[in-house]
């Protein structure tokens, strides 16, 4: 039996793979040659990684990202629940909150908080029968770090509210009805039935947002917060090795982003199993909802 020759289109695909691989390898070789000939003191980059100011910048970057993301998650859950509320005032407030803080650029929000003392000299919380619970100068309460934290957290909370709302909407309404049928309260239903299932939808975009948050902390350098970019600028202002210090900051960014990516991977794996994500109470609720009806026999 004669062999069937491959179609021309199959041969073209085969050669296309080899051509693309050769082009990619050639580009990588050219990039390596260019970096090797660049006027960069590569031996100085590892030294700058361990400068004290760079360590302080790394610590502030991680602290700012973790605190801002944690605050944004808490606020986002509250705003998402308000968005789903039967109360129209709560729904409109949540919609306005998302519209405002998602619409303004993060850098603009950071600058507004940092310059709040220009319009409010004091921040006061009065008590009903006289006196103040809080009465302090604005520029004392809102430092550069606090202004960056407020700008990043409030902006991210608007995105988190939409992420959480999408996750809650992804859970079948029959799960809530089944939980009610076995006497679970709304709070317990949300905590033990809805949220564990919604986490599979919530975690991937939240992990991506946290990685963006780690990189977004670089905007705090505009108001003088000593994060990685500001630390690199401080070092280069003394030795004029701008590219070397920026590359050192880039190395630390890649380290923290890689660690965050690994953590996101394991979190997604933990919630990947449907049974593990649902929990025992939700599985019981599903069993009640999907159990076949028992027909009584005629006597």
Protein backbone atom coordinates (compact mmCIF):
# COMPACT_ATOMS: atom_id res chain seq x y z
CA UNK A 1 0.00 0.00 0.00
CA UNK A 2 1.48 3.34 -1.06
CA UNK A 3 2.32 5.86 1.64
CA UNK A 4 0.17 8.95 1.72
CA UNK A 5 2.26 12.11 1.46
CA UNK A 6 1.48 14.76 4.09
CA UNK A 7 -0.62 17.64 2.96
CA UNK A 8 1.20 20.89 2.11
CA UNK A 9 -0.48 22.72 4.97
CA UNK A 10 0.85 20.12 7.46
CA UNK A 11 4.37 20.55 6.09
CA UNK A 12 4.04 24.32 6.35
CA UNK A 13 3.02 24.04 10.00
CA UNK A 14 6.00 21.76 10.70
CA UNK A 15 8.45 24.20 9.13
CA UNK A 16 6.70 27.13 10.81
CA UNK A 17 7.46 25.70 14.23
CA UNK A 18 11.15 25.37 13.43
CA UNK A 19 11.33 28.86 11.95
CA UNK A 20 9.64 30.41 14.99
CA UNK A 21 12.00 28.55 17.34
CA UNK A 22 15.05 29.75 15.40
CA UNK A 23 13.79 33.35 15.40
CA UNK A 24 13.17 33.29 19.16
CA UNK A 25 16.62 31.83 19.87
CA UNK A 26 18.24 34.41 17.59
CA UNK A 27 16.48 37.24 19.38
CA UNK A 28 17.59 35.87 22.76
CA UNK A 29 21.21 35.67 21.54
CA UNK A 30 21.04 39.24 20.25
CA UNK A 31 19.59 40.39 23.58
CA UNK A 32 22.39 38.65 25.47
CA UNK A 33 25.02 40.26 23.26
CA UNK A 34 23.41 43.69 23.71
CA UNK A 35 23.32 43.34 27.49
CA UNK A 36 26.91 42.12 27.51
CA UNK A 37 28.07 45.17 25.55
CA UNK A 38 25.94 47.61 27.60
CA UNK A 39 27.77 50.09 29.81
CA UNK A 40 26.45 48.54 33.01
CA UNK A 41 28.59 47.57 35.97
CA UNK A 42 26.97 44.17 36.53
CA UNK A 43 29.24 43.41 39.49
CA UNK A 44 27.69 46.34 41.42
CA UNK A 45 24.10 45.09 41.14
CA UNK A 46 24.42 42.30 43.78
CA UNK A 47 26.12 44.78 46.12
CA UNK A 48 23.20 47.22 45.92
CA UNK A 49 20.74 44.47 46.82
CA UNK A 50 21.95 44.48 50.41
CA UNK A 51 22.21 48.20 51.04
CA UNK A 52 20.35 49.24 54.20
CA UNK A 53 18.17 51.73 52.36
CA UNK A 54 17.26 49.02 49.81
CA UNK A 55 16.28 46.66 52.65
CA UNK A 56 14.11 49.41 54.16
CA UNK A 57 12.53 49.99 50.76
CA UNK A 58 11.82 46.28 50.36
CA UNK A 59 10.24 46.10 53.81
CA UNK A 60 8.05 49.14 53.17
CA UNK A 61 7.01 47.79 49.77
CA UNK A 62 5.86 44.47 51.23
CA UNK A 63 4.21 46.09 54.27
CA UNK A 64 2.38 48.66 52.16
CA UNK A 65 1.16 46.01 49.70
CA UNK A 66 0.04 43.52 52.37
CA UNK A 67 -1.76 46.08 54.55
CA UNK A 68 -3.40 47.80 51.58
CA UNK A 69 -4.54 44.51 50.03
CA UNK A 70 -5.83 43.16 53.35
CA UNK A 71 -7.78 46.35 54.01
CA UNK A 72 -9.10 46.31 50.45
CA UNK A 73 -10.35 42.72 50.84
CA UNK A 74 -12.27 43.58 54.02
CA UNK A 75 -13.75 46.74 52.52
CA UNK A 76 -14.48 44.94 49.26
CA UNK A 77 -16.48 42.22 51.00
CA UNK A 78 -18.54 44.83 52.86
CA UNK A 79 -19.19 46.88 49.71
CA UNK A 80 -20.07 43.74 47.73
CA UNK A 81 -22.62 42.68 50.36
CA UNK A 82 -24.08 46.20 50.34
CA UNK A 83 -24.28 46.02 46.53
CA UNK A 84 -26.36 42.84 46.85
CA UNK A 85 -28.50 44.20 49.69
CA UNK A 86 -32.27 44.62 49.40
CA UNK A 87 -31.85 48.08 50.92
CA UNK A 88 -31.78 50.59 48.01
CA UNK A 89 -29.75 53.13 50.03
CA UNK A 90 -27.01 50.55 50.66
CA UNK A 91 -27.03 49.52 47.00
CA UNK A 92 -26.72 53.10 45.76
CA UNK A 93 -23.99 53.89 48.29
CA UNK A 94 -21.99 50.82 47.20
CA UNK A 95 -22.44 51.70 43.53
CA UNK A 96 -21.29 55.29 44.16
CA UNK A 97 -18.31 54.06 46.18
CA UNK A 98 -17.18 51.78 43.36
CA UNK A 99 -17.79 54.49 40.75
CA UNK A 100 -15.69 57.04 42.67
CA UNK A 101 -12.68 55.06 43.83
CA UNK A 102 -12.43 52.94 40.68
CA UNK A 103 -12.72 55.97 38.43
CA UNK A 104 -9.94 58.11 39.92
CA UNK A 105 -6.29 57.25 39.15
CA UNK A 106 -4.40 55.76 42.07
CA UNK A 107 -1.67 58.39 41.91
CA UNK A 108 -4.28 61.16 42.07
CA UNK A 109 -5.88 59.57 45.14
CA UNK A 110 -2.49 59.30 46.86
CA UNK A 111 -1.75 62.97 46.15
CA UNK A 112 -5.19 64.06 47.42
CA UNK A 113 -4.71 62.24 50.72
CA UNK A 114 -1.16 63.53 51.06
CA UNK A 115 -2.28 67.15 50.57
CA UNK A 116 -5.44 66.88 52.67
CA UNK A 117 -3.94 69.23 55.27
CA UNK A 118 -4.26 72.07 52.76
CA UNK A 119 -8.07 72.02 53.11
CA UNK A 120 -8.54 70.43 56.55
CA UNK A 121 -6.12 71.66 59.19
CA UNK A 122 -7.48 69.31 61.86
CA UNK A 123 -9.23 65.94 61.83
CA UNK A 124 -11.79 65.85 64.62
CA UNK A 125 -14.33 63.33 65.89
CA UNK A 126 -16.64 65.19 68.36
CA UNK A 127 -18.42 63.48 71.23
CA UNK A 128 -22.21 63.94 71.69
CA UNK A 129 -21.93 65.71 75.07
CA UNK A 130 -18.89 67.84 74.40
CA UNK A 131 -15.22 67.22 73.86
CA UNK A 132 -13.49 65.24 71.13
CA UNK A 133 -12.75 61.59 70.66
CA UNK A 134 -10.07 62.66 68.18
CA UNK A 135 -8.66 66.11 67.51
CA UNK A 136 -5.29 66.16 65.78
CA UNK A 137 -3.54 68.03 63.00
CA UNK A 138 -4.10 66.44 59.62
CA UNK A 139 -0.45 66.44 58.61
CA UNK A 140 0.37 64.57 61.84
CA UNK A 141 -2.26 61.85 61.29
CA UNK A 142 -1.82 61.46 57.55
CA UNK A 143 1.87 60.81 56.96
CA UNK A 144 3.30 59.91 53.58
CA UNK A 145 2.99 56.21 54.35
CA UNK A 146 -0.64 56.64 55.51
CA UNK A 147 -1.53 58.67 52.41
CA UNK A 148 -0.09 55.96 50.15
CA UNK A 149 -1.91 53.28 52.14
CA UNK A 150 -5.25 55.09 51.85
CA UNK A 151 -4.87 55.72 48.13
CA UNK A 152 -3.89 52.13 47.32
CA UNK A 153 -6.38 50.45 49.67
CA UNK A 154 -9.44 52.49 48.70
CA UNK A 155 -8.78 52.11 45.00
CA UNK A 156 -8.23 48.37 45.33
CA UNK A 157 -11.31 47.94 47.53
CA UNK A 158 -13.51 49.11 44.66
CA UNK A 159 -12.07 46.40 42.42
CA UNK A 160 -12.29 43.82 45.20
CA UNK A 161 -15.98 44.64 45.67
CA UNK A 162 -16.66 43.70 42.05
CA UNK A 163 -14.50 40.58 42.31
CA UNK A 164 -16.31 39.42 45.46
CA UNK A 165 -19.70 40.23 43.94
CA UNK A 166 -18.86 38.17 40.86
CA UNK A 167 -17.75 35.29 43.08
CA UNK A 168 -20.95 35.40 45.14
CA UNK A 169 -23.07 35.54 42.00
CA UNK A 170 -21.30 32.45 40.66
CA UNK A 171 -22.77 30.30 43.47
CA UNK A 172 -26.04 28.63 42.53
CA UNK A 173 -29.01 30.12 44.38
CA UNK A 174 -30.17 26.61 45.19
CA UNK A 175 -27.26 26.33 47.63
CA UNK A 176 -28.68 29.20 49.69
CA UNK A 177 -32.20 27.76 49.54
CA UNK A 178 -30.93 24.37 50.67
CA UNK A 179 -29.05 25.96 53.56
CA UNK A 180 -32.20 27.78 54.65
CA UNK A 181 -34.15 24.54 54.50
CA UNK A 182 -31.89 22.98 57.14
CA UNK A 183 -32.22 26.02 59.40
CA UNK A 184 -28.95 27.85 58.76
CA UNK A 185 -28.92 31.59 59.46
CA UNK A 186 -28.00 34.03 56.64
CA UNK A 187 -24.64 34.73 58.26
CA UNK A 188 -23.83 31.05 58.61
CA UNK A 189 -25.00 30.41 55.06
CA UNK A 190 -22.67 33.10 53.74
CA UNK A 191 -19.74 31.94 55.85
CA UNK A 192 -20.05 28.17 55.47
CA UNK A 193 -21.83 27.66 52.16
CA UNK A 194 -21.52 30.61 49.79
CA UNK A 195 -18.05 32.00 50.46
CA UNK A 196 -16.18 28.67 50.32
CA UNK A 197 -17.60 28.03 46.86
CA UNK A 198 -17.12 31.63 45.71
CA UNK A 199 -13.45 31.52 46.70
CA UNK A 200 -12.60 29.51 43.61
CA UNK A 201 -13.75 32.48 41.53
CA UNK A 202 -12.39 35.15 43.88
CA UNK A 203 -8.84 33.90 44.47
CA UNK A 204 -7.34 34.07 40.93
CA UNK A 205 -8.17 37.76 40.26
CA UNK A 206 -7.35 38.65 43.87
CA UNK A 207 -3.90 37.09 43.48
CA UNK A 208 -3.35 39.03 40.28
CA UNK A 209 -4.46 42.23 42.00
CA UNK A 210 -2.05 41.62 44.86
CA UNK A 211 0.81 41.24 42.39
CA UNK A 212 -0.27 44.53 40.80
CA UNK A 213 -0.41 46.03 44.29
CA UNK A 214 3.21 45.03 44.94
CA UNK A 215 4.24 46.88 41.80
CA UNK A 216 1.79 49.73 42.37
CA UNK A 217 3.49 50.68 45.62
CA UNK A 218 6.14 52.30 43.44
CA UNK A 219 3.76 55.27 43.05
CA UNK A 220 4.32 56.05 46.73
CA UNK A 221 7.82 57.25 45.78
CA UNK A 222 6.19 60.42 44.45
CA UNK A 223 5.34 61.56 47.99
CA UNK A 224 8.63 60.42 49.53
CA UNK A 225 7.82 56.97 50.88
CA UNK A 226 11.01 54.90 50.98
CA UNK A 227 9.97 51.94 48.88
CA UNK A 228 12.13 50.14 46.32
CA UNK A 229 12.09 52.83 43.61
CA UNK A 230 12.73 55.63 46.11
CA UNK A 231 15.52 53.57 47.70
CA UNK A 232 17.14 53.02 44.30
CA UNK A 233 16.97 56.75 43.58
CA UNK A 234 18.58 57.51 46.94
CA UNK A 235 21.49 55.20 46.18
CA UNK A 236 21.99 56.46 42.62
CA UNK A 237 21.95 60.08 43.78
CA UNK A 238 25.20 59.35 45.64
CA UNK A 239 27.08 57.16 43.15
CA UNK A 240 25.32 58.11 39.86
CA UNK A 241 24.93 54.41 38.96
CA UNK A 242 21.30 54.80 37.92
CA UNK A 243 20.84 51.65 35.85
CA UNK A 244 22.64 49.45 38.36
CA UNK A 245 20.45 50.56 41.27
CA UNK A 246 17.29 50.25 39.18
CA UNK A 247 18.29 46.72 38.22
CA UNK A 248 18.79 45.90 41.90
CA UNK A 249 15.26 47.15 42.60
CA UNK A 250 14.02 45.09 39.65
CA UNK A 251 15.57 41.96 41.16
CA UNK A 252 13.72 42.50 44.45
CA UNK A 253 10.46 43.15 42.60
CA UNK A 254 10.82 39.87 40.74
CA UNK A 255 11.56 38.04 44.00
CA UNK A 256 8.45 39.31 45.83
CA UNK A 257 6.24 38.85 42.76
CA UNK A 258 7.49 35.28 42.35
CA UNK A 259 6.76 34.50 46.01
CA UNK A 260 3.27 35.98 45.63
CA UNK A 261 2.69 33.95 42.47
CA UNK A 262 3.69 30.72 44.24
CA UNK A 263 1.35 31.54 47.12
CA UNK A 264 -1.49 32.19 44.68
CA UNK A 265 -0.82 28.85 42.99
CA UNK A 266 -1.12 26.91 46.23
CA UNK A 267 -4.24 28.83 47.29
CA UNK A 268 -5.90 27.99 43.99
CA UNK A 269 -4.96 24.34 44.44
CA UNK A 270 -6.42 24.36 47.96
CA UNK A 271 -9.79 25.56 46.65
CA UNK A 272 -9.67 23.63 43.38
CA UNK A 273 -11.42 20.57 44.76
CA UNK A 274 -15.16 21.15 44.80
CA UNK A 275 -15.77 19.01 47.85
CA UNK A 276 -13.03 20.69 49.83
CA UNK A 277 -14.26 24.12 48.84
CA UNK A 278 -17.84 23.46 49.80
CA UNK A 279 -17.39 21.95 53.23
CA UNK A 280 -19.59 19.45 55.08
CA UNK A 281 -22.58 21.73 55.69
CA UNK A 282 -22.82 22.76 52.07
CA UNK A 283 -22.53 19.14 50.91
CA UNK A 284 -25.39 18.22 53.25
CA UNK A 285 -27.44 21.10 51.87
CA UNK A 286 -26.77 19.93 48.32
CA UNK A 287 -27.74 16.38 49.23
CA UNK A 288 -31.05 17.60 50.64
CA UNK A 289 -31.70 19.70 47.58
CA UNK A 290 -30.89 16.99 45.05
CA UNK A 291 -32.27 13.97 46.94
CA UNK A 292 -35.02 12.13 45.02
CA UNK A 293 -38.52 12.24 46.42
CA UNK A 294 -39.74 9.05 48.13
CA UNK A 295 -43.14 8.01 46.84
CA UNK A 296 -45.47 6.35 49.32
CA UNK A 297 -46.83 3.00 48.20
CA UNK A 298 -50.54 2.42 47.96
CA UNK A 299 -51.99 0.13 50.61
